[in-house]
Amino acid sequence: MINKKETVKEKSKKFALRIVHLYQYLTDNKKEFVLSKQILRSGTSIGANLAESTCAVTEKDFLSKVYIALKETEETLYWLDLLKESKFIDSKSHSSMFADCQEIAKMLTKTIKTLRSRLQSSEFRV
């Protein structure tokens, strides 16, 4: 499980490493190459988009990158469910990774709400 004191960037990087290991397991042990590639792409993209957001030019640009990261968490949750339901991963593995991904999604949602609120309030300042 991910440590609660870590930032969303740190959590997403640790999660990406778990996804890489899942990909290796799926391809080496289960000989599964299609779903594994999809979850590798979406699960590692969360942190990549957050890393890219560090260089955002504006707050709107930053918000866009964080929103893309959130969309990738939702896609990753979908692939985790599909891998479990198709019996490529067991319930224990699914539950652990699903919980970590949901935690990241909650943090990203909170960040997006805060940024939207700040952007809306600054638009009405004269």
C-alpha atoms as a PDB file:
ATOM      1  CA  MET A   1       0.000   0.000   0.000  1.00  0.00           C
ATOM      2  CA  ILE A   2       1.150   3.531  -0.702  1.00  0.00           C
ATOM      3  CA  ASN A   3       2.322   5.736   2.198  1.00  0.00           C
ATOM      4  CA  LYS A   4      -0.265   8.446   3.021  1.00  0.00           C
ATOM      5  CA  LYS A   5       2.370  11.211   3.458  1.00  0.00           C
ATOM      6  CA  GLU A   6       3.675  10.994  -0.085  1.00  0.00           C
ATOM      7  CA  THR A   7       2.773  13.497  -2.761  1.00  0.00           C
ATOM      8  CA  VAL A   8       0.646  12.452  -5.706  1.00  0.00           C
ATOM      9  CA  LYS A   9       3.749  12.598  -7.933  1.00  0.00           C
ATOM     10  CA  GLU A  10       5.615  10.200  -5.644  1.00  0.00           C
ATOM     11  CA  LYS A  11       2.606   7.892  -5.372  1.00  0.00           C
ATOM     12  CA  SER A  12       2.083   7.851  -9.120  1.00  0.00           C
ATOM     13  CA  LYS A  13       5.742   6.943  -9.699  1.00  0.00           C
ATOM     14  CA  LYS A  14       5.573   4.059  -7.196  1.00  0.00           C
ATOM     15  CA  PHE A  15       2.325   2.957  -8.812  1.00  0.00           C
ATOM     16  CA  ALA A  16       3.976   3.074 -12.246  1.00  0.00           C
ATOM     17  CA  LEU A  17       6.688   0.756 -10.958  1.00  0.00           C
ATOM     18  CA  ARG A  18       4.001  -1.670  -9.766  1.00  0.00           C
ATOM     19  CA  ILE A  19       2.431  -1.488 -13.221  1.00  0.00           C
ATOM     20  CA  VAL A  20       5.783  -2.264 -14.857  1.00  0.00           C
ATOM     21  CA  HIS A  21       6.130  -5.326 -12.619  1.00  0.00           C
ATOM     22  CA  LEU A  22       2.560  -6.361 -13.433  1.00  0.00           C
ATOM     23  CA  TYR A  23       3.354  -6.032 -17.127  1.00  0.00           C
ATOM     24  CA  GLN A  24       6.445  -8.218 -16.704  1.00  0.00           C
ATOM     25  CA  TYR A  25       4.400 -10.827 -14.832  1.00  0.00           C
ATOM     26  CA  LEU A  26       1.627 -10.835 -17.420  1.00  0.00           C
ATOM     27  CA  THR A  27       3.949 -11.158 -20.391  1.00  0.00           C
ATOM     28  CA  ASP A  28       6.415 -13.625 -18.829  1.00  0.00           C
ATOM     29  CA  ASN A  29       4.078 -15.864 -16.822  1.00  0.00           C
ATOM     30  CA  LYS A  30       0.651 -15.494 -18.422  1.00  0.00           C
ATOM     31  CA  LYS A  31       1.797 -14.863 -22.005  1.00  0.00           C
ATOM     32  CA  GLU A  32      -0.717 -12.021 -22.176  1.00  0.00           C
ATOM     33  CA  PHE A  33       0.416  -9.231 -24.516  1.00  0.00           C
ATOM     34  CA  VAL A  34      -2.611  -7.089 -25.410  1.00  0.00           C
ATOM     35  CA  LEU A  35      -4.186  -6.089 -22.087  1.00  0.00           C
ATOM     36  CA  SER A  36      -0.761  -5.911 -20.458  1.00  0.00           C
ATOM     37  CA  LYS A  37       0.396  -3.331 -23.006  1.00  0.00           C
ATOM     38  CA  GLN A  38      -2.740  -1.247 -22.428  1.00  0.00           C
ATOM     39  CA  ILE A  39      -2.340  -1.157 -18.652  1.00  0.00           C
ATOM     40  CA  LEU A  40       1.387  -0.457 -19.008  1.00  0.00           C
ATOM     41  CA  ARG A  41       0.598   2.576 -21.152  1.00  0.00           C
ATOM     42  CA  SER A  42      -2.185   4.021 -18.991  1.00  0.00           C
ATOM     43  CA  GLY A  43      -0.669   3.125 -15.613  1.00  0.00           C
ATOM     44  CA  THR A  44       2.678   4.736 -16.355  1.00  0.00           C
ATOM     45  CA  SER A  45       1.081   7.712 -18.104  1.00  0.00           C
ATOM     46  CA  ILE A  46      -0.394   8.990 -14.825  1.00  0.00           C
ATOM     47  CA  GLY A  47       3.005   9.893 -13.411  1.00  0.00           C
ATOM     48  CA  ALA A  48       4.360  10.989 -16.781  1.00  0.00           C
ATOM     49  CA  ASN A  49       1.593  13.577 -17.123  1.00  0.00           C
ATOM     50  CA  LEU A  50       2.204  14.809 -13.584  1.00  0.00           C
ATOM     51  CA  ALA A  51       5.917  15.113 -14.339  1.00  0.00           C
ATOM     52  CA  GLU A  52       5.059  17.096 -17.455  1.00  0.00           C
ATOM     53  CA  SER A  53       2.735  19.357 -15.436  1.00  0.00           C
ATOM     54  CA  THR A  54       5.783  20.605 -13.522  1.00  0.00           C
ATOM     55  CA  CYS A  55       6.749  22.605 -16.599  1.00  0.00           C
ATOM     56  CA  ALA A  56       3.284  23.994 -17.272  1.00  0.00           C
ATOM     57  CA  VAL A  57       3.293  27.494 -18.709  1.00  0.00           C
ATOM     58  CA  THR A  58       0.045  28.596 -17.063  1.00  0.00           C
ATOM     59  CA  GLU A  59      -2.316  27.363 -14.367  1.00  0.00           C
ATOM     60  CA  LYS A  60      -4.716  26.287 -17.124  1.00  0.00           C
ATOM     61  CA  ASP A  61      -1.942  24.262 -18.742  1.00  0.00           C
ATOM     62  CA  PHE A  62      -1.159  22.684 -15.355  1.00  0.00           C
ATOM     63  CA  LEU A  63      -4.845  21.891 -14.830  1.00  0.00           C
ATOM     64  CA  SER A  64      -5.004  20.252 -18.251  1.00  0.00           C
ATOM     65  CA  LYS A  65      -2.063  17.946 -17.476  1.00  0.00           C
ATOM     66  CA  VAL A  66      -3.525  16.969 -14.096  1.00  0.00           C
ATOM     67  CA  TYR A  67      -6.875  16.263 -15.738  1.00  0.00           C
ATOM     68  CA  ILE A  68      -5.182  14.018 -18.314  1.00  0.00           C
ATOM     69  CA  ALA A  69      -3.491  12.149 -15.438  1.00  0.00           C
ATOM     70  CA  LEU A  70      -6.921  11.665 -13.828  1.00  0.00           C
ATOM     71  CA  LYS A  71      -8.314  10.279 -17.088  1.00  0.00           C
ATOM     72  CA  GLU A  72      -5.420   7.809 -17.192  1.00  0.00           C
ATOM     73  CA  THR A  73      -6.251   6.632 -13.647  1.00  0.00           C
ATOM     74  CA  GLU A  74      -9.804   5.870 -14.751  1.00  0.00           C
ATOM     75  CA  GLU A  75      -8.542   3.940 -17.763  1.00  0.00           C
ATOM     76  CA  THR A  76      -6.115   2.010 -15.552  1.00  0.00           C
ATOM     77  CA  LEU A  77      -8.944   1.074 -13.175  1.00  0.00           C
ATOM     78  CA  TYR A  78     -10.838  -0.299 -16.173  1.00  0.00           C
ATOM     79  CA  TRP A  79      -7.875  -2.452 -17.278  1.00  0.00           C
ATOM     80  CA  LEU A  80      -7.370  -3.724 -13.709  1.00  0.00           C
ATOM     81  CA  ASP A  81     -11.009  -4.824 -13.594  1.00  0.00           C
ATOM     82  CA  LEU A  82     -10.718  -6.500 -16.978  1.00  0.00           C
ATOM     83  CA  LEU A  83      -7.552  -8.333 -15.950  1.00  0.00           C
ATOM     84  CA  LYS A  84      -9.266  -9.608 -12.804  1.00  0.00           C
ATOM     85  CA  GLU A  85     -12.476 -10.625 -14.545  1.00  0.00           C
ATOM     86  CA  SER A  86     -10.519 -12.453 -17.247  1.00  0.00           C
ATOM     87  CA  LYS A  87      -8.553 -14.211 -14.480  1.00  0.00           C
ATOM     88  CA  PHE A  88      -5.132 -12.883 -15.479  1.00  0.00           C
ATOM     89  CA  ILE A  89      -4.674 -11.452 -11.965  1.00  0.00           C
ATOM     90  CA  ASP A  90      -6.074 -12.651  -8.661  1.00  0.00           C
ATOM     91  CA  SER A  91      -8.406 -10.705  -6.362  1.00  0.00           C
ATOM     92  CA  LYS A  92      -5.651  -9.833  -3.896  1.00  0.00           C
ATOM     93  CA  SER A  93      -3.436  -8.251  -6.561  1.00  0.00           C
ATOM     94  CA  HIS A  94      -6.407  -6.489  -8.091  1.00  0.00           C
ATOM     95  CA  SER A  95      -7.612  -5.079  -4.759  1.00  0.00           C
ATOM     96  CA  SER A  96      -4.214  -3.727  -3.797  1.00  0.00           C
ATOM     97  CA  MET A  97      -3.492  -2.047  -7.128  1.00  0.00           C
ATOM     98  CA  PHE A  98      -7.078  -0.851  -7.512  1.00  0.00           C
ATOM     99  CA  ALA A  99      -6.945   0.821  -4.070  1.00  0.00           C
ATOM    100  CA  ASP A 100      -3.664   2.567  -4.888  1.00  0.00           C
ATOM    101  CA  CYS A 101      -5.023   3.809  -8.203  1.00  0.00           C
ATOM    102  CA  GLN A 102      -8.233   5.051  -6.574  1.00  0.00           C
ATOM    103  CA  GLU A 103      -6.201   6.911  -3.957  1.00  0.00           C
ATOM    104  CA  ILE A 104      -4.257   8.673  -6.700  1.00  0.00           C
ATOM    105  CA  ALA A 105      -7.524   9.487  -8.483  1.00  0.00           C
ATOM    106  CA  LYS A 106      -8.940  11.044  -5.297  1.00  0.00           C
ATOM    107  CA  MET A 107      -5.847  13.197  -4.859  1.00  0.00           C
ATOM    108  CA  LEU A 108      -5.994  14.321  -8.474  1.00  0.00           C
ATOM    109  CA  THR A 109      -9.712  15.110  -8.191  1.00  0.00           C
ATOM    110  CA  LYS A 110      -9.060  17.266  -5.141  1.00  0.00           C
ATOM    111  CA  THR A 111      -6.237  19.071  -6.959  1.00  0.00           C
ATOM    112  CA  ILE A 112      -8.472  19.710  -9.970  1.00  0.00           C
ATOM    113  CA  LYS A 113     -11.294  21.088  -7.805  1.00  0.00           C
ATOM    114  CA  THR A 114      -8.888  23.396  -5.977  1.00  0.00           C
ATOM    115  CA  LEU A 115      -7.346  24.651  -9.212  1.00  0.00           C
ATOM    116  CA  ARG A 116     -10.715  25.199 -10.891  1.00  0.00           C
ATOM    117  CA  SER A 117     -11.910  27.171  -7.893  1.00  0.00           C
ATOM    118  CA  ARG A 118      -8.757  29.302  -7.887  1.00  0.00           C
ATOM    119  CA  LEU A 119      -8.971  29.911 -11.626  1.00  0.00           C
ATOM    120  CA  GLN A 120     -12.676  30.858 -11.431  1.00  0.00           C
ATOM    121  CA  SER A 121     -12.119  33.272  -8.560  1.00  0.00           C
ATOM    122  CA  SER A 122      -9.185  34.945 -10.348  1.00  0.00           C
ATOM    123  CA  GLU A 123     -11.307  35.429 -13.495  1.00  0.00           C
ATOM    124  CA  PHE A 124     -13.743  37.590 -11.526  1.00  0.00           C
ATOM    125  CA  ARG A 125     -11.104  39.866 -10.006  1.00  0.00           C
ATOM    126  CA  VAL A 126     -10.868  43.320 -11.488  1.00  0.00           C
END
